[in-house]
C-alpha atoms as a PDB file:
ATOM      1  CA  MET A   1       7.320   2.206 -50.256  1.00  0.00           C
ATOM      2  CA  ASN A   2       6.414   1.438 -46.672  1.00  0.00           C
ATOM      3  CA  CYS A   3       8.699  -1.343 -45.446  1.00  0.00           C
ATOM      4  CA  SER A   4       6.998  -1.678 -42.065  1.00  0.00           C
ATOM      5  CA  SER A   5       3.890  -3.221 -43.628  1.00  0.00           C
ATOM      6  CA  SER A   6       5.914  -6.116 -45.043  1.00  0.00           C
ATOM      7  CA  ILE A   7       7.593  -7.032 -41.740  1.00  0.00           C
ATOM      8  CA  ASN A   8       6.125 -10.042 -39.973  1.00  0.00           C
ATOM      9  CA  ARG A   9       6.054  -9.734 -36.223  1.00  0.00           C
ATOM     10  CA  ILE A  10       6.450 -12.639 -33.873  1.00  0.00           C
ATOM     11  CA  GLU A  11       5.644 -11.950 -30.256  1.00  0.00           C
ATOM     12  CA  LEU A  12       6.783 -13.944 -27.260  1.00  0.00           C
ATOM     13  CA  VAL A  13       3.308 -15.378 -26.723  1.00  0.00           C
ATOM     14  CA  ASP A  14       3.342 -16.747 -30.284  1.00  0.00           C
ATOM     15  CA  LEU A  15       6.214 -19.106 -29.430  1.00  0.00           C
ATOM     16  CA  SER A  16       5.853 -22.634 -28.115  1.00  0.00           C
ATOM     17  CA  ASP A  17       6.313 -23.265 -24.386  1.00  0.00           C
ATOM     18  CA  GLU A  18       9.648 -24.952 -25.076  1.00  0.00           C
ATOM     19  CA  LEU A  19      11.012 -21.886 -26.879  1.00  0.00           C
ATOM     20  CA  ILE A  20       9.708 -19.544 -24.190  1.00  0.00           C
ATOM     21  CA  LEU A  21      11.458 -21.644 -21.538  1.00  0.00           C
ATOM     22  CA  ILE A  22      14.711 -21.434 -23.525  1.00  0.00           C
ATOM     23  CA  VAL A  23      14.367 -17.637 -23.567  1.00  0.00           C
ATOM     24  CA  MET A  24      13.568 -17.602 -19.828  1.00  0.00           C
ATOM     25  CA  ASN A  25      16.652 -19.734 -19.109  1.00  0.00           C
ATOM     26  CA  LYS A  26      18.793 -17.084 -20.829  1.00  0.00           C
ATOM     27  CA  VAL A  27      17.678 -14.447 -18.310  1.00  0.00           C
ATOM     28  CA  LYS A  28      20.234 -14.793 -15.519  1.00  0.00           C
ATOM     29  CA  SER A  29      18.458 -12.754 -12.887  1.00  0.00           C
ATOM     30  CA  LYS A  30      15.311 -14.540 -11.691  1.00  0.00           C
ATOM     31  CA  VAL A  31      14.147 -11.237 -10.204  1.00  0.00           C
ATOM     32  CA  LEU A  32      14.366  -9.560 -13.603  1.00  0.00           C
ATOM     33  CA  LEU A  33      12.504 -12.450 -15.217  1.00  0.00           C
ATOM     34  CA  LEU A  34       9.763 -12.503 -12.589  1.00  0.00           C
ATOM     35  CA  CYS A  35       9.314  -8.718 -12.562  1.00  0.00           C
ATOM     36  CA  SER A  36       8.960  -8.798 -16.339  1.00  0.00           C
ATOM     37  CA  ILE A  37       6.421 -11.623 -16.471  1.00  0.00           C
ATOM     38  CA  ILE A  38       4.400 -11.738 -13.229  1.00  0.00           C
ATOM     39  CA  THR A  39       1.359  -9.399 -13.044  1.00  0.00           C
ATOM     40  CA  ILE A  40       1.380  -8.526 -16.764  1.00  0.00           C
ATOM     41  CA  GLY A  41      -1.899 -10.363 -17.259  1.00  0.00           C
ATOM     42  CA  ASN A  42      -0.749 -13.306 -19.359  1.00  0.00           C
ATOM     43  CA  ASN A  43      -1.533 -16.489 -17.439  1.00  0.00           C
ATOM     44  CA  ARG A  44       0.452 -18.737 -19.770  1.00  0.00           C
ATOM     45  CA  LEU A  45       3.663 -16.726 -19.338  1.00  0.00           C
ATOM     46  CA  GLU A  46       3.063 -16.405 -15.592  1.00  0.00           C
ATOM     47  CA  ASP A  47       2.636 -20.183 -15.250  1.00  0.00           C
ATOM     48  CA  LEU A  48       5.870 -20.791 -17.144  1.00  0.00           C
ATOM     49  CA  ALA A  49       7.705 -18.215 -15.004  1.00  0.00           C
ATOM     50  CA  LEU A  50       6.313 -19.690 -11.780  1.00  0.00           C
ATOM     51  CA  ASP A  51       7.846 -23.025 -12.723  1.00  0.00           C
ATOM     52  CA  LYS A  52      11.234 -21.253 -12.697  1.00  0.00           C
ATOM     53  CA  CYS A  53      10.934 -19.494  -9.311  1.00  0.00           C
ATOM     54  CA  HIS A  54      11.378 -22.251  -6.749  1.00  0.00           C
ATOM     55  CA  SER A  55      14.751 -20.834  -5.754  1.00  0.00           C
ATOM     56  CA  ILE A  56      15.507 -17.101  -5.911  1.00  0.00           C
ATOM     57  CA  ASP A  57      18.929 -15.655  -5.162  1.00  0.00           C
ATOM     58  CA  LEU A  58      19.009 -11.996  -4.072  1.00  0.00           C
ATOM     59  CA  ILE A  59      22.567 -12.098  -2.745  1.00  0.00           C
ATOM     60  CA  PHE A  60      23.967  -9.605  -5.233  1.00  0.00           C
ATOM     61  CA  ASP A  61      23.655  -5.969  -4.256  1.00  0.00           C
ATOM     62  CA  TYR A  62      20.685  -4.255  -5.896  1.00  0.00           C
ATOM     63  CA  PHE A  63      21.136  -1.157  -3.755  1.00  0.00           C
ATOM     64  CA  GLN A  64      24.243  -0.071  -5.636  1.00  0.00           C
ATOM     65  CA  SER A  65      22.811  -0.806  -9.054  1.00  0.00           C
ATOM     66  CA  PRO A  66      20.170   0.496 -11.447  1.00  0.00           C
ATOM     67  CA  TYR A  67      17.916  -2.345 -10.263  1.00  0.00           C
ATOM     68  CA  GLN A  68      16.893  -0.686  -6.983  1.00  0.00           C
ATOM     69  CA  ASN A  69      13.401   0.124  -8.321  1.00  0.00           C
ATOM     70  CA  LEU A  70      13.176  -3.397  -9.669  1.00  0.00           C
ATOM     71  CA  ILE A  71      13.788  -4.933  -6.252  1.00  0.00           C
ATOM     72  CA  GLN A  72      11.143  -2.665  -4.722  1.00  0.00           C
ATOM     73  CA  ARG A  73       8.664  -3.831  -7.367  1.00  0.00           C
ATOM     74  CA  PHE A  74       9.707  -7.415  -6.667  1.00  0.00           C
ATOM     75  CA  TYR A  75       8.825  -7.085  -2.969  1.00  0.00           C
ATOM     76  CA  SER A  76       5.618  -5.100  -3.483  1.00  0.00           C
ATOM     77  CA  HIS A  77       4.055  -6.768  -6.548  1.00  0.00           C
ATOM     78  CA  VAL A  78       5.805 -10.002  -7.480  1.00  0.00           C
ATOM     79  CA  LEU A  79       6.584 -11.696  -4.169  1.00  0.00           C
ATOM     80  CA  PRO A  80       2.941 -11.629  -3.002  1.00  0.00           C
ATOM     81  CA  CYS A  81       1.990 -13.492  -6.211  1.00  0.00           C
ATOM     82  CA  ILE A  82       4.695 -16.150  -6.004  1.00  0.00           C
ATOM     83  CA  ILE A  83       5.263 -16.606  -2.270  1.00  0.00           C
ATOM     84  CA  TYR A  84       3.678 -20.074  -2.191  1.00  0.00           C
ATOM     85  CA  ASN A  85       5.884 -21.270  -5.073  1.00  0.00           C
ATOM     86  CA  VAL A  86       9.206 -20.166  -3.550  1.00  0.00           C
ATOM     87  CA  GLN A  87      11.084 -22.881  -1.683  1.00  0.00           C
ATOM     88  CA  SER A  88      14.340 -20.981  -1.175  1.00  0.00           C
ATOM     89  CA  LEU A  89      15.060 -17.244  -0.956  1.00  0.00           C
ATOM     90  CA  ARG A  90      18.630 -16.047  -0.365  1.00  0.00           C
ATOM     91  CA  LEU A  91      19.192 -12.363   0.368  1.00  0.00           C
ATOM     92  CA  ASN A  92      21.664  -9.832   1.727  1.00  0.00           C
ATOM     93  CA  ILE A  93      21.208  -8.383   5.174  1.00  0.00           C
ATOM     94  CA  GLN A  94      20.429  -5.089   3.390  1.00  0.00           C
ATOM     95  CA  HIS A  95      17.207  -6.675   2.128  1.00  0.00           C
ATOM     96  CA  ILE A  96      15.828  -7.390   5.615  1.00  0.00           C
ATOM     97  CA  PRO A  97      13.983  -4.032   5.949  1.00  0.00           C
ATOM     98  CA  ASN A  98      12.313  -4.622   2.564  1.00  0.00           C
ATOM     99  CA  ILE A  99      11.315  -8.196   3.323  1.00  0.00           C
ATOM    100  CA  SER A 100       9.997  -7.197   6.754  1.00  0.00           C
ATOM    101  CA  ASN A 101       7.863  -4.492   5.099  1.00  0.00           C
ATOM    102  CA  PHE A 102       6.485  -7.182   2.805  1.00  0.00           C
ATOM    103  CA  CYS A 103       5.593  -9.487   5.706  1.00  0.00           C
END
C-alpha cells in the first residue's frame, strides 16, 4: 500500500495571511526570512515579508558562520528589491565592503 498517496499536503501559500505572519515572526533572522521569500516569484509572500523588513539588524557576525553565502545573496539579490522599504539597517564594520559594492 502506498502511504504517500493518502497524505494531504499543505503548503505555506495555502495558509491565511495571519498564519503566514505568525510563521514569519518565528524566524529570528530577518535576513534569513527575506532571503527565503524575496525573489522567489510569489507576490503575496513577498508583500507579507516586505511588511516585516522596515528594520534589519546585521550586527551579528555572518563572516564566521555558515551564513556567509546568505549575506552575499542578501546584498546582491534581496537588498535591491527592498531598499525603499528599509528604514533602519544596522551592520558591523565588516559589512562595509559588501554594502559599498551594492551601492
